[in-house]
Amino acid sequence: MTAVFAEAERDTSQARILNGVQSRLENRSWLTGAPATGYRIKGVEGGKRKVLEIDQDFHPDGEEVFRHVREGQSTHRIARDFNGRGVLTWGVHLRKLR
């Protein structure tokens, strides 16, 4: 009998979690963790909710990386080119913002 109730509670919890994830996806809410490359976390609605927005300072460099990858260039070659031109990596860019 206890196992039946435990299974029902597990199903209810799982449904709540999935509904929460779906809701956050629909309103673009960001919960936790580092933002994806090329995005910043921005507070909205009085700080009650966070969303991702494109980091306009890094966007051109990120687009260039993606373009080079689509063209078949190796990441090593892209990194050497960017290092030679003094282009900041995403991690260094984030540290500079802080």
PDB file of N, CA and C in Angstrom:
ATOM      1  N   MET A   1       0.823  -1.191   0.000  1.00  0.00           N
ATOM      2  CA  MET A   1       0.000   0.000   0.000  1.00  0.00           C
ATOM      3  C   MET A   1       0.876   1.268   0.000  1.00  0.00           C
ATOM      4  N   THR A   2       1.932   1.253   0.824  1.00  0.00           N
ATOM      5  CA  THR A   2       2.835   2.400   0.898  1.00  0.00           C
ATOM      6  C   THR A   2       3.508   2.633  -0.449  1.00  0.00           C
ATOM      7  N   ALA A   3       3.854   1.564  -1.129  1.00  0.00           N
ATOM      8  CA  ALA A   3       4.506   1.687  -2.438  1.00  0.00           C
ATOM      9  C   ALA A   3       3.583   2.348  -3.449  1.00  0.00           C
ATOM     10  N   VAL A   4       2.303   2.061  -3.393  1.00  0.00           N
ATOM     11  CA  VAL A   4       1.340   2.678  -4.316  1.00  0.00           C
ATOM     12  C   VAL A   4       1.284   4.180  -4.083  1.00  0.00           C
ATOM     13  N   PHE A   5       1.206   4.591  -2.812  1.00  0.00           N
ATOM     14  CA  PHE A   5       1.175   6.025  -2.500  1.00  0.00           C
ATOM     15  C   PHE A   5       2.490   6.711  -2.876  1.00  0.00           C
ATOM     16  N   ALA A   6       3.608   6.035  -2.659  1.00  0.00           N
ATOM     17  CA  ALA A   6       4.910   6.599  -3.019  1.00  0.00           C
ATOM     18  C   ALA A   6       5.009   6.790  -4.527  1.00  0.00           C
ATOM     19  N   GLU A   7       4.517   5.835  -5.275  1.00  0.00           N
ATOM     20  CA  GLU A   7       4.553   5.950  -6.733  1.00  0.00           C
ATOM     21  C   GLU A   7       3.657   7.086  -7.212  1.00  0.00           C
ATOM     22  N   ALA A   8       2.505   7.237  -6.605  1.00  0.00           N
ATOM     23  CA  ALA A   8       1.599   8.329  -6.972  1.00  0.00           C
ATOM     24  C   ALA A   8       2.239   9.682  -6.665  1.00  0.00           C
ATOM     25  N   GLU A   9       2.897   9.785  -5.508  1.00  0.00           N
ATOM     26  CA  GLU A   9       3.570  11.037  -5.133  1.00  0.00           C
ATOM     27  C   GLU A   9       4.715  11.344  -6.093  1.00  0.00           C
ATOM     28  N   ARG A  10       5.437  10.315  -6.487  1.00  0.00           N
ATOM     29  CA  ARG A  10       6.527  10.502  -7.457  1.00  0.00           C
ATOM     30  C   ARG A  10       5.981  11.034  -8.779  1.00  0.00           C
ATOM     31  N   ASP A  11       4.887  10.467  -9.240  1.00  0.00           N
ATOM     32  CA  ASP A  11       4.269  10.926 -10.493  1.00  0.00           C
ATOM     33  C   ASP A  11       3.802  12.371 -10.383  1.00  0.00           C
ATOM     34  N   THR A  12       3.221  12.720  -9.233  1.00  0.00           N
ATOM     35  CA  THR A  12       2.760  14.095  -9.015  1.00  0.00           C
ATOM     36  C   THR A  12       3.945  15.063  -9.006  1.00  0.00           C
ATOM     37  N   SER A  13       5.019  14.688  -8.315  1.00  0.00           N
ATOM     38  CA  SER A  13       6.216  15.537  -8.266  1.00  0.00           C
ATOM     39  C   SER A  13       6.810  15.714  -9.654  1.00  0.00           C
ATOM     40  N   GLN A  14       6.884  14.635 -10.400  1.00  0.00           N
ATOM     41  CA  GLN A  14       7.437  14.706 -11.750  1.00  0.00           C
ATOM     42  C   GLN A  14       6.599  15.635 -12.635  1.00  0.00           C
ATOM     43  N   ALA A  15       5.288  15.557 -12.529  1.00  0.00           N
ATOM     44  CA  ALA A  15       4.408  16.420 -13.321  1.00  0.00           C
ATOM     45  C   ALA A  15       4.617  17.889 -12.945  1.00  0.00           C
ATOM     46  N   ARG A  16       4.773  18.177 -11.637  1.00  0.00           N
ATOM     47  CA  ARG A  16       5.017  19.555 -11.199  1.00  0.00           C
ATOM     48  C   ARG A  16       6.329  20.093 -11.766  1.00  0.00           C
ATOM     49  N   ILE A  17       7.354  19.263 -11.718  1.00  0.00           N
ATOM     50  CA  ILE A  17       8.658  19.682 -12.234  1.00  0.00           C
ATOM     51  C   ILE A  17       8.576  19.968 -13.730  1.00  0.00           C
ATOM     52  N   LEU A  18       7.961  19.070 -14.477  1.00  0.00           N
ATOM     53  CA  LEU A  18       7.835  19.270 -15.926  1.00  0.00           C
ATOM     54  C   LEU A  18       7.009  20.511 -16.253  1.00  0.00           C
ATOM     55  N   ASN A  19       5.937  20.762 -15.487  1.00  0.00           N
ATOM     56  CA  ASN A  19       5.135  21.973 -15.709  1.00  0.00           C
ATOM     57  C   ASN A  19       5.950  23.232 -15.424  1.00  0.00           C
ATOM     58  N   GLY A  20       6.782  23.195 -14.370  1.00  0.00           N
ATOM     59  CA  GLY A  20       7.637  24.340 -14.058  1.00  0.00           C
ATOM     60  C   GLY A  20       8.655  24.607 -15.151  1.00  0.00           C
ATOM     61  N   VAL A  21       9.281  23.545 -15.655  1.00  0.00           N
ATOM     62  CA  VAL A  21      10.251  23.693 -16.740  1.00  0.00           C
ATOM     63  C   VAL A  21       9.569  24.268 -17.977  1.00  0.00           C
ATOM     64  N   GLN A  22       8.400  23.735 -18.325  1.00  0.00           N
ATOM     65  CA  GLN A  22       7.671  24.225 -19.494  1.00  0.00           C
ATOM     66  C   GLN A  22       7.305  25.697 -19.335  1.00  0.00           C
ATOM     67  N   SER A  23       6.873  26.074 -18.149  1.00  0.00           N
ATOM     68  CA  SER A  23       6.510  27.469 -17.885  1.00  0.00           C
ATOM     69  C   SER A  23       7.718  28.392 -18.039  1.00  0.00           C
ATOM     70  N   ARG A  24       8.882  27.975 -17.506  1.00  0.00           N
ATOM     71  CA  ARG A  24      10.089  28.796 -17.631  1.00  0.00           C
ATOM     72  C   ARG A  24      10.528  28.914 -19.083  1.00  0.00           C
ATOM     73  N   LEU A  25      10.369  27.853 -19.841  1.00  0.00           N
ATOM     74  CA  LEU A  25      10.720  27.915 -21.265  1.00  0.00           C
ATOM     75  C   LEU A  25       9.811  28.889 -22.010  1.00  0.00           C
ATOM     76  N   GLU A  26       8.532  28.858 -21.685  1.00  0.00           N
ATOM     77  CA  GLU A  26       7.576  29.732 -22.372  1.00  0.00           C
ATOM     78  C   GLU A  26       7.815  31.206 -22.087  1.00  0.00           C
ATOM     79  N   ASN A  27       8.208  31.545 -20.851  1.00  0.00           N
ATOM     80  CA  ASN A  27       8.435  32.965 -20.548  1.00  0.00           C
ATOM     81  C   ASN A  27       9.916  33.319 -20.499  1.00  0.00           C
ATOM     82  N   ARG A  28      10.775  32.412 -21.028  1.00  0.00           N
ATOM     83  CA  ARG A  28      12.208  32.639 -21.170  1.00  0.00           C
ATOM     84  C   ARG A  28      12.917  32.893 -19.846  1.00  0.00           C
ATOM     85  N   SER A  29      12.408  32.368 -18.743  1.00  0.00           N
ATOM     86  CA  SER A  29      13.043  32.571 -17.443  1.00  0.00           C
ATOM     87  C   SER A  29      14.309  31.742 -17.324  1.00  0.00           C
ATOM     88  N   TRP A  30      15.300  32.308 -16.636  1.00  0.00           N
ATOM     89  CA  TRP A  30      16.567  31.638 -16.386  1.00  0.00           C
ATOM     90  C   TRP A  30      16.674  31.396 -14.891  1.00  0.00           C
ATOM     91  N   LEU A  31      16.979  30.166 -14.504  1.00  0.00           N
ATOM     92  CA  LEU A  31      17.032  29.853 -13.082  1.00  0.00           C
ATOM     93  C   LEU A  31      18.408  30.036 -12.468  1.00  0.00           C
ATOM     94  N   THR A  32      19.372  29.273 -12.955  1.00  0.00           N
ATOM     95  CA  THR A  32      20.660  29.263 -12.283  1.00  0.00           C
ATOM     96  C   THR A  32      21.762  28.839 -13.239  1.00  0.00           C
ATOM     97  N   GLY A  33      22.985  29.071 -12.833  1.00  0.00           N
ATOM     98  CA  GLY A  33      24.126  28.642 -13.624  1.00  0.00           C
ATOM     99  C   GLY A  33      24.643  29.741 -14.525  1.00  0.00           C
ATOM    100  N   ALA A  34      25.764  29.433 -15.140  1.00  0.00           N
ATOM    101  CA  ALA A  34      26.391  30.384 -16.050  1.00  0.00           C
ATOM    102  C   ALA A  34      25.551  30.503 -17.324  1.00  0.00           C
ATOM    103  N   PRO A  35      25.480  31.680 -17.884  1.00  0.00           N
ATOM    104  CA  PRO A  35      24.731  31.831 -19.135  1.00  0.00           C
ATOM    105  C   PRO A  35      25.450  31.139 -20.284  1.00  0.00           C
ATOM    106  N   ALA A  36      24.701  30.825 -21.304  1.00  0.00           N
ATOM    107  CA  ALA A  36      25.281  30.243 -22.509  1.00  0.00           C
ATOM    108  C   ALA A  36      26.222  31.263 -23.154  1.00  0.00           C
ATOM    109  N   THR A  37      27.183  30.772 -23.907  1.00  0.00           N
ATOM    110  CA  THR A  37      28.144  31.649 -24.565  1.00  0.00           C
ATOM    111  C   THR A  37      27.414  32.680 -25.421  1.00  0.00           C
ATOM    112  N   GLY A  38      27.741  33.945 -25.210  1.00  0.00           N
ATOM    113  CA  GLY A  38      27.159  35.025 -25.993  1.00  0.00           C
ATOM    114  C   GLY A  38      25.903  35.633 -25.389  1.00  0.00           C
ATOM    115  N   TYR A  39      25.519  35.183 -24.189  1.00  0.00           N
ATOM    116  CA  TYR A  39      24.314  35.693 -23.536  1.00  0.00           C
ATOM    117  C   TYR A  39      24.634  36.233 -22.157  1.00  0.00           C
ATOM    118  N   ARG A  40      23.819  37.184 -21.712  1.00  0.00           N
ATOM    119  CA  ARG A  40      23.903  37.727 -20.354  1.00  0.00           C
ATOM    120  C   ARG A  40      22.605  37.411 -19.631  1.00  0.00           C
ATOM    121  N   ILE A  41      22.691  37.339 -18.318  1.00  0.00           N
ATOM    122  CA  ILE A  41      21.489  37.164 -17.506  1.00  0.00           C
ATOM    123  C   ILE A  41      20.993  38.553 -17.123  1.00  0.00           C
ATOM    124  N   LYS A  42      19.718  38.802 -17.352  1.00  0.00           N
ATOM    125  CA  LYS A  42      19.137  40.115 -17.082  1.00  0.00           C
ATOM    126  C   LYS A  42      17.923  39.939 -16.174  1.00  0.00           C
ATOM    127  N   GLY A  43      17.865  40.729 -15.102  1.00  0.00           N
ATOM    128  CA  GLY A  43      16.711  40.711 -14.215  1.00  0.00           C
ATOM    129  C   GLY A  43      15.571  41.528 -14.803  1.00  0.00           C
ATOM    130  N   VAL A  44      14.358  41.028 -14.661  1.00  0.00           N
ATOM    131  CA  VAL A  44      13.167  41.737 -15.133  1.00  0.00           C
ATOM    132  C   VAL A  44      12.095  41.687 -14.054  1.00  0.00           C
ATOM    133  N   GLU A  45      11.061  42.473 -14.235  1.00  0.00           N
ATOM    134  CA  GLU A  45       9.914  42.522 -13.322  1.00  0.00           C
ATOM    135  C   GLU A  45      10.347  42.736 -11.879  1.00  0.00           C
ATOM    136  N   GLY A  46      11.145  43.762 -11.675  1.00  0.00           N
ATOM    137  CA  GLY A  46      11.571  44.093 -10.327  1.00  0.00           C
ATOM    138  C   GLY A  46      12.509  43.083  -9.701  1.00  0.00           C
ATOM    139  N   GLY A  47      13.229  42.339 -10.532  1.00  0.00           N
ATOM    140  CA  GLY A  47      14.189  41.373 -10.019  1.00  0.00           C
ATOM    141  C   GLY A  47      13.602  40.034  -9.642  1.00  0.00           C
ATOM    142  N   LYS A  48      12.301  39.830  -9.859  1.00  0.00           N
ATOM    143  CA  LYS A  48      11.672  38.559  -9.501  1.00  0.00           C
ATOM    144  C   LYS A  48      11.974  37.455 -10.510  1.00  0.00           C
ATOM    145  N   ARG A  49      12.379  37.838 -11.699  1.00  0.00           N
ATOM    146  CA  ARG A  49      12.597  36.864 -12.764  1.00  0.00           C
ATOM    147  C   ARG A  49      13.845  37.249 -13.540  1.00  0.00           C
ATOM    148  N   LYS A  50      14.555  36.268 -14.071  1.00  0.00           N
ATOM    149  CA  LYS A  50      15.742  36.523 -14.876  1.00  0.00           C
ATOM    150  C   LYS A  50      15.551  35.891 -16.248  1.00  0.00           C
ATOM    151  N   VAL A  51      16.068  36.567 -17.261  1.00  0.00           N
ATOM    152  CA  VAL A  51      16.017  36.050 -18.631  1.00  0.00           C
ATOM    153  C   VAL A  51      17.403  36.177 -19.253  1.00  0.00           C
ATOM    154  N   LEU A  52      17.597  35.462 -20.350  1.00  0.00           N
ATOM    155  CA  LEU A  52      18.835  35.590 -21.102  1.00  0.00           C
ATOM    156  C   LEU A  52      18.646  36.615 -22.204  1.00  0.00           C
ATOM    157  N   GLU A  53      19.659  37.443 -22.408  1.00  0.00           N
ATOM    158  CA  GLU A  53      19.647  38.368 -23.525  1.00  0.00           C
ATOM    159  C   GLU A  53      20.992  38.284 -24.227  1.00  0.00           C
ATOM    160  N   ILE A  54      21.013  38.595 -25.499  1.00  0.00           N
ATOM    161  CA  ILE A  54      22.257  38.545 -26.270  1.00  0.00           C
ATOM    162  C   ILE A  54      23.217  39.596 -25.739  1.00  0.00           C
ATOM    163  N   ASP A  55      24.461  39.200 -25.511  1.00  0.00           N
ATOM    164  CA  ASP A  55      25.516  40.117 -25.088  1.00  0.00           C
ATOM    165  C   ASP A  55      26.019  40.826 -26.350  1.00  0.00           C
ATOM    166  N   GLN A  56      25.581  42.043 -26.550  1.00  0.00           N
ATOM    167  CA  GLN A  56      25.896  42.778 -27.780  1.00  0.00           C
ATOM    168  C   GLN A  56      27.389  43.055 -27.930  1.00  0.00           C
ATOM    169  N   ASP A  57      28.124  43.125 -26.819  1.00  0.00           N
ATOM    170  CA  ASP A  57      29.570  43.370 -26.900  1.00  0.00           C
ATOM    171  C   ASP A  57      30.316  42.164 -27.465  1.00  0.00           C
ATOM    172  N   PHE A  58      29.854  40.958 -27.121  1.00  0.00           N
ATOM    173  CA  PHE A  58      30.537  39.739 -27.555  1.00  0.00           C
ATOM    174  C   PHE A  58      29.918  39.147 -28.825  1.00  0.00           C
ATOM    175  N   HIS A  59      28.711  39.541 -29.155  1.00  0.00           N
ATOM    176  CA  HIS A  59      27.950  38.935 -30.255  1.00  0.00           C
ATOM    177  C   HIS A  59      28.726  38.860 -31.579  1.00  0.00           C
ATOM    178  N   PRO A  60      29.366  39.927 -32.032  1.00  0.00           N
ATOM    179  CA  PRO A  60      30.088  39.830 -33.312  1.00  0.00           C
ATOM    180  C   PRO A  60      31.193  38.771 -33.288  1.00  0.00           C
ATOM    181  N   ASP A  61      31.916  38.669 -32.166  1.00  0.00           N
ATOM    182  CA  ASP A  61      32.975  37.665 -32.063  1.00  0.00           C
ATOM    183  C   ASP A  61      32.394  36.255 -32.047  1.00  0.00           C
ATOM    184  N   GLY A  62      31.307  36.080 -31.312  1.00  0.00           N
ATOM    185  CA  GLY A  62      30.653  34.776 -31.276  1.00  0.00           C
ATOM    186  C   GLY A  62      30.148  34.356 -32.643  1.00  0.00           C
ATOM    187  N   GLU A  63      29.553  35.285 -33.360  1.00  0.00           N
ATOM    188  CA  GLU A  63      29.066  34.987 -34.714  1.00  0.00           C
ATOM    189  C   GLU A  63      30.227  34.616 -35.632  1.00  0.00           C
ATOM    190  N   GLU A  64      31.358  35.284 -35.459  1.00  0.00           N
ATOM    191  CA  GLU A  64      32.526  34.963 -36.277  1.00  0.00           C
ATOM    192  C   GLU A  64      33.019  33.546 -35.990  1.00  0.00           C
ATOM    193  N   VAL A  65      33.048  33.158 -34.714  1.00  0.00           N
ATOM    194  CA  VAL A  65      33.451  31.797 -34.360  1.00  0.00           C
ATOM    195  C   VAL A  65      32.527  30.791 -35.025  1.00  0.00           C
ATOM    196  N   PHE A  66      31.210  30.994 -34.900  1.00  0.00           N
ATOM    197  CA  PHE A  66      30.245  30.065 -35.482  1.00  0.00           C
ATOM    198  C   PHE A  66      30.399  29.990 -37.004  1.00  0.00           C
ATOM    199  N   ARG A  67      30.659  31.132 -37.629  1.00  0.00           N
ATOM    200  CA  ARG A  67      30.841  31.147 -39.087  1.00  0.00           C
ATOM    201  C   ARG A  67      32.064  30.322 -39.484  1.00  0.00           C
ATOM    202  N   HIS A  68      33.166  30.502 -38.760  1.00  0.00           N
ATOM    203  CA  HIS A  68      34.386  29.749 -39.053  1.00  0.00           C
ATOM    204  C   HIS A  68      34.170  28.244 -38.863  1.00  0.00           C
ATOM    205  N   VAL A  69      33.451  27.877 -37.814  1.00  0.00           N
ATOM    206  CA  VAL A  69      33.171  26.457 -37.567  1.00  0.00           C
ATOM    207  C   VAL A  69      32.314  25.885 -38.694  1.00  0.00           C
ATOM    208  N   ARG A  70      31.288  26.638 -39.105  1.00  0.00           N
ATOM    209  CA  ARG A  70      30.437  26.173 -40.219  1.00  0.00           C
ATOM    210  C   ARG A  70      31.245  26.002 -41.499  1.00  0.00           C
ATOM    211  N   GLU A  71      32.287  26.830 -41.679  1.00  0.00           N
ATOM    212  CA  GLU A  71      33.140  26.736 -42.868  1.00  0.00           C
ATOM    213  C   GLU A  71      34.135  25.584 -42.764  1.00  0.00           C
ATOM    214  N   GLY A  72      34.167  24.911 -41.612  1.00  0.00           N
ATOM    215  CA  GLY A  72      35.033  23.752 -41.456  1.00  0.00           C
ATOM    216  C   GLY A  72      36.396  24.033 -40.861  1.00  0.00           C
ATOM    217  N   GLN A  73      36.627  25.250 -40.383  1.00  0.00           N
ATOM    218  CA  GLN A  73      37.919  25.558 -39.778  1.00  0.00           C
ATOM    219  C   GLN A  73      38.031  24.869 -38.417  1.00  0.00           C
ATOM    220  N   SER A  74      39.255  24.472 -38.064  1.00  0.00           N
ATOM    221  CA  SER A  74      39.472  23.832 -36.769  1.00  0.00           C
ATOM    222  C   SER A  74      39.398  24.879 -35.659  1.00  0.00           C
ATOM    223  N   THR A  75      39.001  24.414 -34.472  1.00  0.00           N
ATOM    224  CA  THR A  75      38.935  25.337 -33.337  1.00  0.00           C
ATOM    225  C   THR A  75      40.330  25.834 -32.975  1.00  0.00           C
ATOM    226  N   HIS A  76      41.342  25.011 -33.206  1.00  0.00           N
ATOM    227  CA  HIS A  76      42.726  25.436 -32.941  1.00  0.00           C
ATOM    228  C   HIS A  76      43.106  26.615 -33.835  1.00  0.00           C
ATOM    229  N   ARG A  77      42.751  26.519 -35.101  1.00  0.00           N
ATOM    230  CA  ARG A  77      43.069  27.608 -36.039  1.00  0.00           C
ATOM    231  C   ARG A  77      42.297  28.883 -35.673  1.00  0.00           C
ATOM    232  N   ILE A  78      41.044  28.725 -35.308  1.00  0.00           N
ATOM    233  CA  ILE A  78      40.231  29.885 -34.910  1.00  0.00           C
ATOM    234  C   ILE A  78      40.840  30.539 -33.671  1.00  0.00           C
ATOM    235  N   ALA A  79      41.236  29.710 -32.687  1.00  0.00           N
ATOM    236  CA  ALA A  79      41.832  30.248 -31.453  1.00  0.00           C
ATOM    237  C   ALA A  79      43.130  30.979 -31.749  1.00  0.00           C
ATOM    238  N   ARG A  80      43.975  30.419 -32.612  1.00  0.00           N
ATOM    239  CA  ARG A  80      45.234  31.093 -32.960  1.00  0.00           C
ATOM    240  C   ARG A  80      44.961  32.440 -33.615  1.00  0.00           C
ATOM    241  N   ASP A  81      43.990  32.479 -34.526  1.00  0.00           N
ATOM    242  CA  ASP A  81      43.630  33.729 -35.196  1.00  0.00           C
ATOM    243  C   ASP A  81      43.135  34.767 -34.186  1.00  0.00           C
ATOM    244  N   PHE A  82      42.227  34.349 -33.304  1.00  0.00           N
ATOM    245  CA  PHE A  82      41.677  35.276 -32.309  1.00  0.00           C
ATOM    246  C   PHE A  82      42.760  35.744 -31.337  1.00  0.00           C
ATOM    247  N   ASN A  83      43.619  34.824 -30.900  1.00  0.00           N
ATOM    248  CA  ASN A  83      44.709  35.217 -29.996  1.00  0.00           C
ATOM    249  C   ASN A  83      45.633  36.221 -30.663  1.00  0.00           C
ATOM    250  N   GLY A  84      45.928  35.999 -31.939  1.00  0.00           N
ATOM    251  CA  GLY A  84      46.789  36.912 -32.682  1.00  0.00           C
ATOM    252  C   GLY A  84      46.197  38.306 -32.807  1.00  0.00           C
ATOM    253  N   ARG A  85      44.875  38.391 -32.865  1.00  0.00           N
ATOM    254  CA  ARG A  85      44.200  39.692 -32.983  1.00  0.00           C
ATOM    255  C   ARG A  85      43.805  40.274 -31.634  1.00  0.00           C
ATOM    256  N   GLY A  86      44.054  39.513 -30.553  1.00  0.00           N
ATOM    257  CA  GLY A  86      43.721  40.016 -29.212  1.00  0.00           C
ATOM    258  C   GLY A  86      42.238  39.969 -28.890  1.00  0.00           C
ATOM    259  N   VAL A  87      41.495  39.101 -29.559  1.00  0.00           N
ATOM    260  CA  VAL A  87      40.057  38.957 -29.283  1.00  0.00           C
ATOM    261  C   VAL A  87      39.899  38.179 -27.984  1.00  0.00           C
ATOM    262  N   LEU A  88      39.069  38.685 -27.082  1.00  0.00           N
ATOM    263  CA  LEU A  88      38.872  38.047 -25.791  1.00  0.00           C
ATOM    264  C   LEU A  88      38.037  36.781 -25.923  1.00  0.00           C
ATOM    265  N   THR A  89      38.376  35.768 -25.108  1.00  0.00           N
ATOM    266  CA  THR A  89      37.522  34.589 -25.028  1.00  0.00           C
ATOM    267  C   THR A  89      36.271  34.955 -24.237  1.00  0.00           C
ATOM    268  N   TRP A  90      35.275  34.093 -24.281  1.00  0.00           N
ATOM    269  CA  TRP A  90      34.032  34.340 -23.560  1.00  0.00           C
ATOM    270  C   TRP A  90      34.299  34.443 -22.051  1.00  0.00           C
ATOM    271  N   GLY A  91      35.128  33.553 -21.531  1.00  0.00           N
ATOM    272  CA  GLY A  91      35.434  33.581 -20.098  1.00  0.00           C
ATOM    273  C   GLY A  91      36.136  34.855 -19.673  1.00  0.00           C
ATOM    274  N   VAL A  92      37.096  35.294 -20.450  1.00  0.00           N
ATOM    275  CA  VAL A  92      37.810  36.545 -20.134  1.00  0.00           C
ATOM    276  C   VAL A  92      36.852  37.729 -20.256  1.00  0.00           C
ATOM    277  N   HIS A  93      35.990  37.704 -21.252  1.00  0.00           N
ATOM    278  CA  HIS A  93      34.993  38.768 -21.433  1.00  0.00           C
ATOM    279  C   HIS A  93      34.096  38.869 -20.193  1.00  0.00           C
ATOM    280  N   LEU A  94      33.641  37.717 -19.669  1.00  0.00           N
ATOM    281  CA  LEU A  94      32.793  37.721 -18.477  1.00  0.00           C
ATOM    282  C   LEU A  94      33.536  38.265 -17.257  1.00  0.00           C
ATOM    283  N   ARG A  95      34.793  37.851 -17.088  1.00  0.00           N
ATOM    284  CA  ARG A  95      35.586  38.362 -15.954  1.00  0.00           C
ATOM    285  C   ARG A  95      35.779  39.862 -16.059  1.00  0.00           C
ATOM    286  N   LYS A  96      35.967  40.346 -17.279  1.00  0.00           N
ATOM    287  CA  LYS A  96      36.146  41.786 -17.480  1.00  0.00           C
ATOM    288  C   LYS A  96      34.873  42.558 -17.120  1.00  0.00           C
ATOM    289  N   LEU A  97      33.721  41.957 -17.403  1.00  0.00           N
ATOM    290  CA  LEU A  97      32.453  42.606 -17.066  1.00  0.00           C
ATOM    291  C   LEU A  97      32.252  42.734 -15.553  1.00  0.00           C
ATOM    292  N   ARG A  98      32.756  41.756 -14.812  1.00  0.00           N
ATOM    293  CA  ARG A  98      32.607  41.782 -13.348  1.00  0.00           C
ATOM    294  C   ARG A  98      33.520  42.822 -12.780  1.00  0.00           C
TER     295      ARG A  98
END
